[in-house]
């Protein structure tokens, strides 16, 4: 076995960085070199930020978005329209819709979409919590903003059936402007804005 010409600490950092999404071994090594070349204080600040990330950041007990307290900033914001609830797959989708500036209601993060092939069923998602919110909160419209994909459509249909008994709630689906197979986090704000404005009842 050939011994690496690089220090073990540098190799270890590159290996850890390489575990991040879309970061290959070469990119990971470049990042490791960059950290090494920066002042020690910056490396210490980075290490401290990573440690505090898990200590101080959690998930909102109501919507599932990121929060540094029991409830996130969106859920406690009195300016938000509590009658509108946008259902999304993950955190990145909340950020993408917020960037569009078109939605002023609240969110519900499912934590994924239904995918039997991957073993993700209704019990794996925050669907029971969604039903409970429609019972307890003055929600009049649930906007399903899952992916425009087979799994996303299946999840949207399941939610529509799940909430069908509550005749006081309209269940709508983002539509125009979102191409087939698209993920919300990669769409620009204008496209997402059009999709939200053109939502359709399910």
N, C-alpha and C. Protein backbone atom coordinates (compact mmCIF):
# COMPACT_ATOMS: atom_id res chain seq x y z
N UNK A 1 0.84 -1.20 0.00
CA UNK A 1 0.00 0.00 0.00
C UNK A 1 0.88 1.25 0.00
N UNK A 2 0.62 2.17 -0.95
CA UNK A 2 1.41 3.38 -1.08
C UNK A 2 1.05 4.37 0.01
N UNK A 3 2.06 4.88 0.70
CA UNK A 3 1.82 5.84 1.76
C UNK A 3 1.55 7.21 1.16
N UNK A 4 0.56 7.92 1.70
CA UNK A 4 0.21 9.25 1.19
C UNK A 4 1.32 10.24 1.52
N UNK A 5 1.65 11.12 0.56
CA UNK A 5 2.68 12.13 0.81
C UNK A 5 2.15 13.32 1.61
N UNK A 6 0.86 13.29 1.95
CA UNK A 6 0.24 14.40 2.67
C UNK A 6 0.10 14.07 4.15
N UNK A 7 0.12 15.09 5.00
CA UNK A 7 -0.08 14.87 6.44
C UNK A 7 -1.43 14.22 6.72
N UNK A 8 -1.46 13.38 7.74
CA UNK A 8 -2.68 12.64 8.07
C UNK A 8 -3.85 13.57 8.39
N UNK A 9 -3.57 14.67 9.09
CA UNK A 9 -4.64 15.61 9.46
C UNK A 9 -5.30 16.21 8.23
N UNK A 10 -4.50 16.52 7.21
CA UNK A 10 -5.04 17.09 5.97
C UNK A 10 -5.87 16.05 5.22
N UNK A 11 -5.38 14.84 5.17
CA UNK A 11 -6.11 13.75 4.53
C UNK A 11 -7.45 13.52 5.22
N UNK A 12 -7.43 13.55 6.55
CA UNK A 12 -8.65 13.32 7.32
C UNK A 12 -9.69 14.41 7.05
N UNK A 13 -9.24 15.66 7.00
CA UNK A 13 -10.15 16.77 6.71
C UNK A 13 -10.74 16.62 5.31
N UNK A 14 -9.91 16.28 4.33
CA UNK A 14 -10.39 16.11 2.96
C UNK A 14 -11.40 14.98 2.87
N UNK A 15 -11.17 13.91 3.62
CA UNK A 15 -12.10 12.78 3.63
C UNK A 15 -13.46 13.20 4.18
N UNK A 16 -13.43 13.98 5.26
CA UNK A 16 -14.68 14.44 5.87
C UNK A 16 -15.42 15.40 4.94
N UNK A 17 -14.69 16.31 4.31
CA UNK A 17 -15.31 17.26 3.38
C UNK A 17 -15.89 16.54 2.17
N UNK A 18 -15.26 15.45 1.78
CA UNK A 18 -15.72 14.68 0.63
C UNK A 18 -17.04 13.97 0.85
N UNK A 19 -17.50 13.94 2.09
CA UNK A 19 -18.79 13.31 2.39
C UNK A 19 -19.97 14.23 2.10
N UNK A 20 -19.68 15.51 1.86
CA UNK A 20 -20.76 16.45 1.56
C UNK A 20 -21.27 16.22 0.14
N UNK A 21 -22.56 16.53 -0.11
CA UNK A 21 -23.13 16.35 -1.45
C UNK A 21 -22.39 17.17 -2.50
N UNK A 22 -22.18 16.59 -3.66
CA UNK A 22 -21.56 17.25 -4.82
C UNK A 22 -20.11 17.66 -4.60
N UNK A 23 -19.48 17.13 -3.56
CA UNK A 23 -18.06 17.42 -3.31
C UNK A 23 -17.25 16.16 -3.58
N UNK A 24 -16.52 16.16 -4.70
CA UNK A 24 -15.68 15.02 -5.04
C UNK A 24 -14.36 15.07 -4.29
N UNK A 25 -13.53 14.07 -4.50
CA UNK A 25 -12.26 13.99 -3.78
C UNK A 25 -11.33 15.15 -4.09
N UNK A 26 -11.29 15.58 -5.35
CA UNK A 26 -10.43 16.70 -5.72
C UNK A 26 -10.92 18.01 -5.11
N UNK A 27 -12.24 18.23 -5.19
CA UNK A 27 -12.80 19.45 -4.60
C UNK A 27 -12.58 19.46 -3.09
N UNK A 28 -12.72 18.29 -2.47
CA UNK A 28 -12.52 18.18 -1.03
C UNK A 28 -11.09 18.53 -0.65
N UNK A 29 -10.14 18.07 -1.45
CA UNK A 29 -8.74 18.36 -1.16
C UNK A 29 -8.44 19.84 -1.35
N UNK A 30 -9.05 20.45 -2.38
CA UNK A 30 -8.85 21.90 -2.59
C UNK A 30 -9.40 22.69 -1.41
N UNK A 31 -10.55 22.27 -0.90
CA UNK A 31 -11.13 22.94 0.26
C UNK A 31 -10.24 22.77 1.49
N UNK A 32 -9.70 21.58 1.65
CA UNK A 32 -8.81 21.32 2.78
C UNK A 32 -7.56 22.20 2.71
N UNK A 33 -7.00 22.33 1.51
CA UNK A 33 -5.84 23.20 1.32
C UNK A 33 -6.21 24.65 1.63
N UNK A 34 -7.41 25.05 1.22
CA UNK A 34 -7.86 26.42 1.46
C UNK A 34 -7.94 26.70 2.97
N UNK A 35 -8.51 25.74 3.71
CA UNK A 35 -8.60 25.90 5.17
C UNK A 35 -7.21 26.00 5.78
N UNK A 36 -6.29 25.20 5.28
CA UNK A 36 -4.92 25.19 5.80
C UNK A 36 -4.21 26.52 5.55
N UNK A 37 -4.52 27.13 4.40
CA UNK A 37 -3.84 28.37 4.02
C UNK A 37 -4.41 29.60 4.71
N UNK A 38 -5.61 29.48 5.28
CA UNK A 38 -6.22 30.61 5.96
C UNK A 38 -5.62 30.77 7.36
N UNK A 39 -5.77 31.95 7.98
CA UNK A 39 -5.27 32.15 9.34
C UNK A 39 -5.89 31.15 10.32
N UNK A 40 -5.16 30.80 11.35
CA UNK A 40 -5.62 29.83 12.34
C UNK A 40 -6.95 30.25 12.95
N UNK A 41 -7.14 31.55 13.17
CA UNK A 41 -8.36 32.04 13.81
C UNK A 41 -9.59 31.69 12.97
N UNK A 42 -9.45 31.70 11.64
CA UNK A 42 -10.58 31.36 10.77
C UNK A 42 -10.91 29.87 10.87
N UNK A 43 -9.89 29.04 10.98
CA UNK A 43 -10.13 27.60 11.15
C UNK A 43 -10.82 27.34 12.48
N UNK A 44 -10.43 28.07 13.51
CA UNK A 44 -11.06 27.91 14.82
C UNK A 44 -12.51 28.37 14.79
N UNK A 45 -12.77 29.46 14.07
CA UNK A 45 -14.14 29.96 13.94
C UNK A 45 -15.01 28.96 13.18
N UNK A 46 -14.43 28.33 12.16
CA UNK A 46 -15.16 27.31 11.40
C UNK A 46 -15.50 26.12 12.29
N UNK A 47 -14.52 25.66 13.05
CA UNK A 47 -14.74 24.52 13.95
C UNK A 47 -15.81 24.85 14.99
N UNK A 48 -15.77 26.07 15.51
CA UNK A 48 -16.75 26.49 16.51
C UNK A 48 -18.15 26.56 15.91
N UNK A 49 -18.24 27.08 14.67
CA UNK A 49 -19.54 27.18 14.00
C UNK A 49 -20.14 25.80 13.75
N UNK A 50 -19.31 24.84 13.36
CA UNK A 50 -19.79 23.48 13.12
C UNK A 50 -20.28 22.84 14.41
N UNK A 51 -19.57 23.09 15.50
CA UNK A 51 -19.98 22.53 16.79
C UNK A 51 -21.29 23.15 17.26
N UNK A 52 -21.42 24.47 17.10
CA UNK A 52 -22.63 25.16 17.54
C UNK A 52 -23.83 24.82 16.67
N UNK A 53 -23.57 24.41 15.43
CA UNK A 53 -24.66 24.07 14.51
C UNK A 53 -25.56 23.00 15.11
N UNK A 54 -24.95 21.94 15.64
CA UNK A 54 -25.74 20.86 16.22
C UNK A 54 -26.23 21.18 17.62
N UNK A 55 -25.54 22.05 18.31
CA UNK A 55 -25.93 22.41 19.66
C UNK A 55 -27.09 23.40 19.69
N UNK A 56 -27.14 24.30 18.71
CA UNK A 56 -28.07 25.42 18.78
C UNK A 56 -29.18 25.39 17.73
N UNK A 57 -29.01 24.61 16.67
CA UNK A 57 -30.01 24.59 15.60
C UNK A 57 -30.77 23.27 15.62
N UNK A 58 -32.09 23.38 15.66
CA UNK A 58 -32.94 22.19 15.64
C UNK A 58 -34.08 22.40 14.66
N UNK A 59 -35.20 21.77 14.94
CA UNK A 59 -36.35 21.87 14.04
C UNK A 59 -37.57 22.41 14.79
N UNK A 60 -38.32 23.24 14.11
CA UNK A 60 -39.53 23.83 14.67
C UNK A 60 -40.51 22.71 15.03
N UNK A 61 -41.04 22.75 16.24
CA UNK A 61 -41.95 21.71 16.69
C UNK A 61 -43.29 21.75 15.98
N UNK A 62 -43.58 22.88 15.31
CA UNK A 62 -44.86 23.02 14.63
C UNK A 62 -44.76 22.68 13.14
N UNK A 63 -43.83 23.33 12.44
CA UNK A 63 -43.78 23.16 10.98
C UNK A 63 -42.64 22.27 10.49
N UNK A 64 -41.61 22.07 11.31
CA UNK A 64 -40.50 21.23 10.89
C UNK A 64 -39.36 21.98 10.22
N UNK A 65 -39.48 23.31 10.13
CA UNK A 65 -38.41 24.12 9.54
C UNK A 65 -37.28 24.28 10.56
N UNK A 66 -36.13 24.77 10.11
CA UNK A 66 -35.02 24.99 11.02
C UNK A 66 -35.36 26.07 12.04
N UNK A 67 -34.85 25.88 13.25
CA UNK A 67 -35.13 26.84 14.31
C UNK A 67 -34.08 26.75 15.40
N UNK A 68 -33.85 27.88 16.07
CA UNK A 68 -32.95 27.86 17.22
C UNK A 68 -33.75 27.91 18.52
N UNK A 69 -35.04 27.67 18.41
CA UNK A 69 -35.93 27.60 19.57
C UNK A 69 -37.02 26.58 19.30
N UNK A 70 -38.04 26.56 20.13
CA UNK A 70 -39.12 25.60 19.93
C UNK A 70 -39.87 25.86 18.63
N UNK A 71 -40.10 27.15 18.32
CA UNK A 71 -40.79 27.54 17.10
C UNK A 71 -39.86 28.38 16.23
N UNK A 72 -40.00 28.26 14.91
CA UNK A 72 -39.16 29.02 13.99
C UNK A 72 -39.67 30.45 13.83
N UNK A 73 -38.87 31.28 13.17
CA UNK A 73 -39.21 32.69 12.99
C UNK A 73 -40.48 32.86 12.15
N UNK A 74 -40.72 31.95 11.22
CA UNK A 74 -41.90 32.06 10.37
C UNK A 74 -43.17 31.78 11.16
N UNK A 75 -43.13 30.76 12.00
CA UNK A 75 -44.32 30.37 12.77
C UNK A 75 -44.71 31.42 13.81
N UNK A 76 -43.74 32.15 14.33
CA UNK A 76 -44.05 33.14 15.37
C UNK A 76 -44.28 34.54 14.79
N UNK A 77 -44.13 34.68 13.49
CA UNK A 77 -44.30 35.99 12.85
C UNK A 77 -45.79 36.31 12.72
N UNK A 78 -46.28 37.33 13.44
CA UNK A 78 -47.72 37.66 13.39
C UNK A 78 -48.17 38.22 12.05
N UNK A 79 -47.22 38.60 11.20
CA UNK A 79 -47.58 39.15 9.89
C UNK A 79 -47.92 38.05 8.88
N UNK A 80 -47.63 36.82 9.23
CA UNK A 80 -47.92 35.70 8.34
C UNK A 80 -49.41 35.38 8.33
N UNK A 81 -49.91 35.01 7.14
CA UNK A 81 -51.32 34.65 7.00
C UNK A 81 -51.51 33.21 7.47
N UNK A 82 -52.09 33.04 8.65
CA UNK A 82 -52.25 31.71 9.22
C UNK A 82 -53.31 30.88 8.51
N UNK A 83 -54.02 31.49 7.58
CA UNK A 83 -55.04 30.74 6.82
C UNK A 83 -54.43 29.94 5.67
N UNK A 84 -53.20 30.30 5.27
CA UNK A 84 -52.54 29.63 4.16
C UNK A 84 -51.40 28.75 4.66
N UNK A 85 -51.40 27.49 4.23
CA UNK A 85 -50.36 26.56 4.65
C UNK A 85 -49.74 25.92 3.41
N UNK A 86 -48.45 26.10 3.23
CA UNK A 86 -47.74 25.54 2.09
C UNK A 86 -46.99 24.29 2.54
N UNK A 87 -47.31 23.16 1.92
CA UNK A 87 -46.69 21.88 2.27
C UNK A 87 -45.53 21.61 1.33
N UNK A 88 -44.34 21.43 1.89
CA UNK A 88 -43.13 21.20 1.09
C UNK A 88 -42.42 19.93 1.56
N UNK A 89 -41.48 19.49 0.73
CA UNK A 89 -40.73 18.28 1.06
C UNK A 89 -39.67 18.53 2.13
N UNK A 90 -38.89 19.60 1.95
CA UNK A 90 -37.76 19.82 2.85
C UNK A 90 -37.44 21.27 3.09
N UNK A 91 -36.41 21.50 3.88
CA UNK A 91 -35.99 22.84 4.27
C UNK A 91 -35.62 23.69 3.06
N UNK A 92 -34.91 23.10 2.10
CA UNK A 92 -34.47 23.86 0.93
C UNK A 92 -35.65 24.44 0.16
N UNK A 93 -36.79 23.74 0.18
CA UNK A 93 -37.98 24.23 -0.52
C UNK A 93 -38.56 25.45 0.17
N UNK A 94 -38.52 25.47 1.50
CA UNK A 94 -38.98 26.65 2.24
C UNK A 94 -38.14 27.86 1.84
N UNK A 95 -36.84 27.69 1.81
CA UNK A 95 -35.93 28.79 1.47
C UNK A 95 -36.17 29.27 0.04
N UNK A 96 -36.43 28.33 -0.88
CA UNK A 96 -36.65 28.69 -2.28
C UNK A 96 -37.94 29.50 -2.43
N UNK A 97 -39.00 29.08 -1.77
CA UNK A 97 -40.28 29.79 -1.87
C UNK A 97 -40.18 31.15 -1.19
N UNK A 98 -39.49 31.21 -0.07
CA UNK A 98 -39.29 32.49 0.61
C UNK A 98 -38.55 33.47 -0.29
N UNK A 99 -37.59 32.97 -1.06
CA UNK A 99 -36.81 33.83 -1.95
C UNK A 99 -37.68 34.41 -3.07
N UNK A 100 -38.78 33.72 -3.41
CA UNK A 100 -39.66 34.22 -4.47
C UNK A 100 -40.43 35.46 -4.01
N UNK A 101 -40.63 35.60 -2.70
CA UNK A 101 -41.35 36.75 -2.16
C UNK A 101 -42.84 36.74 -2.45
N UNK A 102 -43.38 35.61 -2.94
CA UNK A 102 -44.78 35.54 -3.35
C UNK A 102 -45.69 34.92 -2.30
N UNK A 103 -45.12 34.24 -1.33
CA UNK A 103 -45.94 33.53 -0.36
C UNK A 103 -45.78 34.14 1.02
N UNK A 104 -46.90 34.39 1.69
CA UNK A 104 -46.85 35.06 2.99
C UNK A 104 -47.62 34.28 4.06
N UNK A 105 -47.83 33.00 3.79
CA UNK A 105 -48.49 32.17 4.78
C UNK A 105 -47.46 31.42 5.61
N UNK A 106 -47.83 30.23 6.06
CA UNK A 106 -46.93 29.41 6.86
C UNK A 106 -46.63 28.11 6.13
N UNK A 107 -45.73 27.32 6.70
CA UNK A 107 -45.26 26.11 6.02
C UNK A 107 -45.49 24.86 6.86
N UNK A 108 -45.42 23.73 6.15
CA UNK A 108 -45.39 22.43 6.81
C UNK A 108 -44.39 21.57 6.04
N UNK A 109 -43.31 21.19 6.70
CA UNK A 109 -42.25 20.40 6.06
C UNK A 109 -42.52 18.91 6.29
N UNK A 110 -42.71 18.18 5.19
CA UNK A 110 -43.02 16.76 5.28
C UNK A 110 -41.81 15.90 5.66
N UNK A 111 -40.64 16.31 5.17
CA UNK A 111 -39.45 15.49 5.39
C UNK A 111 -39.23 14.48 4.28
N UNK A 112 -39.82 14.75 3.09
CA UNK A 112 -39.65 13.85 1.96
C UNK A 112 -40.95 13.68 1.19
N UNK A 113 -40.98 12.69 0.31
CA UNK A 113 -42.18 12.35 -0.45
C UNK A 113 -42.40 10.85 -0.39
N UNK A 114 -43.61 10.43 -0.68
CA UNK A 114 -43.93 9.00 -0.70
C UNK A 114 -43.12 8.31 -1.80
N UNK A 115 -42.47 7.23 -1.45
CA UNK A 115 -41.66 6.49 -2.42
C UNK A 115 -41.56 5.04 -1.96
N UNK A 116 -42.53 4.21 -2.35
CA UNK A 116 -42.54 2.80 -1.92
C UNK A 116 -41.26 2.05 -2.27
N UNK A 117 -40.65 2.39 -3.41
CA UNK A 117 -39.43 1.70 -3.83
C UNK A 117 -38.27 1.97 -2.87
N UNK A 118 -38.31 3.12 -2.21
CA UNK A 118 -37.27 3.47 -1.24
C UNK A 118 -37.72 3.23 0.19
N UNK A 119 -38.88 2.61 0.32
CA UNK A 119 -39.39 2.29 1.65
C UNK A 119 -39.93 3.48 2.42
N UNK A 120 -40.33 4.54 1.70
CA UNK A 120 -40.87 5.73 2.35
C UNK A 120 -42.39 5.72 2.21
N UNK A 121 -43.07 5.40 3.29
CA UNK A 121 -44.53 5.38 3.30
C UNK A 121 -45.08 6.54 4.10
N UNK A 122 -46.39 6.61 4.25
CA UNK A 122 -47.02 7.72 4.99
C UNK A 122 -46.49 7.91 6.40
N UNK A 123 -46.17 6.81 7.08
CA UNK A 123 -45.69 6.91 8.46
C UNK A 123 -44.29 7.51 8.55
N UNK A 124 -43.58 7.56 7.42
CA UNK A 124 -42.23 8.13 7.41
C UNK A 124 -42.24 9.64 7.27
N UNK A 125 -43.39 10.20 6.90
CA UNK A 125 -43.51 11.63 6.68
C UNK A 125 -44.35 12.28 7.78
N UNK A 126 -44.32 13.60 7.84
CA UNK A 126 -45.05 14.34 8.87
C UNK A 126 -46.48 14.62 8.40
N UNK A 127 -47.19 13.53 8.06
CA UNK A 127 -48.56 13.66 7.56
C UNK A 127 -49.58 13.72 8.69
N UNK A 128 -49.36 12.97 9.75
CA UNK A 128 -50.28 13.04 10.90
C UNK A 128 -50.26 14.44 11.50
N UNK A 129 -49.07 15.02 11.56
CA UNK A 129 -48.95 16.39 12.08
C UNK A 129 -49.68 17.39 11.19
N UNK A 130 -49.66 17.13 9.87
CA UNK A 130 -50.37 18.00 8.94
C UNK A 130 -51.87 17.96 9.20
N UNK A 131 -52.41 16.77 9.34
CA UNK A 131 -53.85 16.62 9.61
C UNK A 131 -54.21 17.32 10.92
N UNK A 132 -53.37 17.16 11.92
CA UNK A 132 -53.63 17.78 13.22
C UNK A 132 -53.64 19.30 13.11
N UNK A 133 -52.75 19.84 12.29
CA UNK A 133 -52.72 21.30 12.13
C UNK A 133 -53.98 21.81 11.46
N UNK A 134 -54.50 21.06 10.49
CA UNK A 134 -55.73 21.51 9.82
C UNK A 134 -56.92 21.46 10.77
N UNK A 135 -56.82 20.68 11.81
CA UNK A 135 -57.90 20.61 12.80
C UNK A 135 -57.82 21.74 13.82
N UNK A 136 -56.59 22.12 14.16
CA UNK A 136 -56.40 23.07 15.25
C UNK A 136 -56.19 24.51 14.79
N UNK A 137 -55.73 24.71 13.57
CA UNK A 137 -55.42 26.05 13.09
C UNK A 137 -56.50 26.53 12.10
N UNK A 138 -56.67 27.85 11.97
CA UNK A 138 -57.71 28.39 11.07
C UNK A 138 -57.30 28.37 9.61
N UNK A 139 -56.88 27.21 9.13
CA UNK A 139 -56.38 27.07 7.76
C UNK A 139 -57.55 26.93 6.79
N UNK A 140 -57.51 27.69 5.70
CA UNK A 140 -58.56 27.60 4.69
C UNK A 140 -58.02 27.04 3.37
N UNK A 141 -56.69 27.09 3.19
CA UNK A 141 -56.10 26.53 1.97
C UNK A 141 -54.77 25.88 2.28
N UNK A 142 -54.61 24.66 1.76
CA UNK A 142 -53.35 23.94 1.85
C UNK A 142 -52.76 23.88 0.44
N UNK A 143 -51.59 24.48 0.26
CA UNK A 143 -50.93 24.50 -1.05
C UNK A 143 -49.85 23.42 -1.04
N UNK A 144 -50.01 22.42 -1.88
CA UNK A 144 -49.04 21.32 -1.93
C UNK A 144 -47.95 21.69 -2.93
N UNK A 145 -46.73 21.87 -2.43
CA UNK A 145 -45.61 22.30 -3.27
C UNK A 145 -44.52 21.24 -3.31
N UNK A 146 -44.92 19.99 -3.50
CA UNK A 146 -43.94 18.91 -3.66
C UNK A 146 -43.44 18.92 -5.10
N UNK A 147 -42.41 18.12 -5.37
CA UNK A 147 -41.82 18.06 -6.71
C UNK A 147 -42.87 17.72 -7.77
N UNK A 148 -42.63 18.25 -8.98
CA UNK A 148 -43.46 17.86 -10.12
C UNK A 148 -42.83 16.59 -10.69
N UNK A 149 -43.06 15.49 -9.99
CA UNK A 149 -42.49 14.19 -10.36
C UNK A 149 -43.50 13.12 -9.98
N UNK A 150 -43.21 11.88 -10.30
CA UNK A 150 -44.14 10.79 -9.96
C UNK A 150 -44.36 10.73 -8.46
N UNK A 151 -43.25 10.79 -7.69
CA UNK A 151 -43.37 10.72 -6.24
C UNK A 151 -44.07 11.96 -5.68
N UNK A 152 -43.73 13.13 -6.24
CA UNK A 152 -44.35 14.36 -5.78
C UNK A 152 -45.84 14.40 -6.05
N UNK A 153 -46.23 13.93 -7.23
CA UNK A 153 -47.65 13.90 -7.58
C UNK A 153 -48.40 12.89 -6.72
N UNK A 154 -47.77 11.74 -6.45
CA UNK A 154 -48.40 10.73 -5.61
C UNK A 154 -48.61 11.27 -4.20
N UNK A 155 -47.64 12.01 -3.71
CA UNK A 155 -47.75 12.61 -2.37
C UNK A 155 -48.85 13.65 -2.34
N UNK A 156 -48.94 14.47 -3.39
CA UNK A 156 -49.98 15.50 -3.47
C UNK A 156 -51.37 14.85 -3.48
N UNK A 157 -51.52 13.78 -4.25
CA UNK A 157 -52.81 13.08 -4.32
C UNK A 157 -53.17 12.47 -2.97
N UNK A 158 -52.17 11.94 -2.29
CA UNK A 158 -52.41 11.33 -0.98
C UNK A 158 -52.88 12.40 0.02
N UNK A 159 -52.24 13.56 -0.02
CA UNK A 159 -52.63 14.65 0.88
C UNK A 159 -54.05 15.12 0.58
N UNK A 160 -54.38 15.18 -0.72
CA UNK A 160 -55.73 15.60 -1.10
C UNK A 160 -56.78 14.64 -0.54
N UNK A 161 -56.50 13.34 -0.62
CA UNK A 161 -57.43 12.35 -0.07
C UNK A 161 -57.47 12.42 1.45
N UNK A 162 -56.31 12.67 2.04
CA UNK A 162 -56.20 12.73 3.49
C UNK A 162 -57.03 13.87 4.08
N UNK A 163 -57.10 14.98 3.33
CA UNK A 163 -57.80 16.16 3.83
C UNK A 163 -59.20 16.32 3.24
N UNK A 164 -59.62 15.36 2.44
CA UNK A 164 -60.91 15.47 1.74
C UNK A 164 -62.09 15.59 2.69
N UNK A 165 -61.98 14.99 3.87
CA UNK A 165 -63.09 15.02 4.83
C UNK A 165 -63.36 16.42 5.36
N UNK A 166 -62.33 17.26 5.35
CA UNK A 166 -62.49 18.63 5.84
C UNK A 166 -62.92 19.52 4.68
N UNK A 167 -64.23 19.72 4.55
CA UNK A 167 -64.77 20.46 3.40
C UNK A 167 -64.51 21.96 3.49
N UNK A 168 -64.02 22.43 4.63
CA UNK A 168 -63.75 23.86 4.78
C UNK A 168 -62.36 24.25 4.27
N UNK A 169 -61.59 23.25 3.87
CA UNK A 169 -60.22 23.51 3.41
C UNK A 169 -60.09 23.19 1.92
N UNK A 170 -59.51 24.13 1.17
CA UNK A 170 -59.20 23.91 -0.24
C UNK A 170 -57.77 23.39 -0.34
N UNK A 171 -57.59 22.31 -1.08
CA UNK A 171 -56.25 21.77 -1.30
C UNK A 171 -55.86 22.10 -2.74
N UNK A 172 -54.78 22.87 -2.90
CA UNK A 172 -54.34 23.28 -4.23
C UNK A 172 -52.92 22.77 -4.49
N UNK A 173 -52.50 22.88 -5.74
CA UNK A 173 -51.21 22.34 -6.17
C UNK A 173 -50.49 23.38 -7.01
N UNK A 174 -49.19 23.61 -6.74
CA UNK A 174 -48.44 24.52 -7.60
C UNK A 174 -48.41 23.91 -9.00
N UNK A 175 -48.47 24.77 -10.01
CA UNK A 175 -48.59 24.23 -11.37
C UNK A 175 -47.71 24.97 -12.36
N UNK A 176 -48.27 25.93 -13.06
CA UNK A 176 -47.61 26.62 -14.16
C UNK A 176 -46.24 27.16 -13.78
N UNK A 177 -45.28 26.92 -14.66
CA UNK A 177 -43.95 27.47 -14.44
C UNK A 177 -42.97 26.50 -13.84
N UNK A 178 -43.43 25.37 -13.34
CA UNK A 178 -42.53 24.37 -12.75
C UNK A 178 -42.42 23.19 -13.71
N UNK A 179 -41.28 23.01 -14.38
CA UNK A 179 -41.13 21.92 -15.35
C UNK A 179 -41.19 20.55 -14.69
N UNK A 180 -41.58 19.55 -15.48
CA UNK A 180 -41.62 18.17 -15.01
C UNK A 180 -40.25 17.74 -14.50
N UNK A 181 -40.24 17.13 -13.32
CA UNK A 181 -39.00 16.62 -12.75
C UNK A 181 -38.15 17.66 -12.05
N UNK A 182 -38.67 18.89 -11.92
CA UNK A 182 -37.88 19.95 -11.31
C UNK A 182 -37.90 19.88 -9.79
N UNK A 183 -36.80 20.33 -9.17
CA UNK A 183 -36.74 20.46 -7.72
C UNK A 183 -36.79 21.94 -7.39
N UNK A 184 -37.62 22.30 -6.41
CA UNK A 184 -37.88 23.71 -6.11
C UNK A 184 -36.63 24.50 -5.78
N UNK A 185 -35.68 23.88 -5.09
CA UNK A 185 -34.52 24.63 -4.62
C UNK A 185 -33.66 25.15 -5.77
N UNK A 186 -33.84 24.59 -7.00
CA UNK A 186 -33.03 25.01 -8.13
C UNK A 186 -33.76 25.98 -9.06
N UNK A 187 -35.01 26.32 -8.74
CA UNK A 187 -35.77 27.24 -9.58
C UNK A 187 -35.56 28.68 -9.13
N UNK A 188 -35.66 29.61 -10.08
CA UNK A 188 -35.51 31.01 -9.73
C UNK A 188 -36.80 31.54 -9.11
N UNK A 189 -36.68 32.68 -8.43
CA UNK A 189 -37.82 33.25 -7.72
C UNK A 189 -39.00 33.58 -8.61
N UNK A 190 -38.73 34.08 -9.82
CA UNK A 190 -39.82 34.46 -10.73
C UNK A 190 -40.64 33.24 -11.14
N UNK A 191 -39.95 32.14 -11.44
CA UNK A 191 -40.64 30.90 -11.83
C UNK A 191 -41.49 30.38 -10.68
N UNK A 192 -40.92 30.38 -9.49
CA UNK A 192 -41.68 29.92 -8.33
C UNK A 192 -42.86 30.83 -8.04
N UNK A 193 -42.66 32.12 -8.24
CA UNK A 193 -43.75 33.07 -8.02
C UNK A 193 -44.92 32.80 -8.94
N UNK A 194 -44.64 32.54 -10.23
CA UNK A 194 -45.71 32.23 -11.18
C UNK A 194 -46.42 30.95 -10.80
N UNK A 195 -45.64 29.97 -10.34
CA UNK A 195 -46.24 28.68 -9.95
C UNK A 195 -47.19 28.85 -8.77
N UNK A 196 -46.81 29.67 -7.82
CA UNK A 196 -47.67 29.89 -6.65
C UNK A 196 -48.94 30.64 -7.03
N UNK A 197 -48.80 31.64 -7.90
CA UNK A 197 -49.97 32.42 -8.31
C UNK A 197 -50.93 31.59 -9.15
N UNK A 198 -50.39 30.59 -9.88
CA UNK A 198 -51.22 29.78 -10.78
C UNK A 198 -51.60 28.45 -10.16
N UNK A 199 -51.55 28.34 -8.85
CA UNK A 199 -51.91 27.08 -8.19
C UNK A 199 -53.35 26.70 -8.53
N UNK A 200 -53.60 25.39 -8.54
CA UNK A 200 -54.90 24.88 -8.94
C UNK A 200 -55.46 23.94 -7.88
N UNK A 201 -56.78 23.90 -7.73
CA UNK A 201 -57.38 22.97 -6.77
C UNK A 201 -57.08 21.53 -7.17
N UNK A 202 -56.92 20.66 -6.18
CA UNK A 202 -56.70 19.24 -6.46
C UNK A 202 -58.03 18.50 -6.46
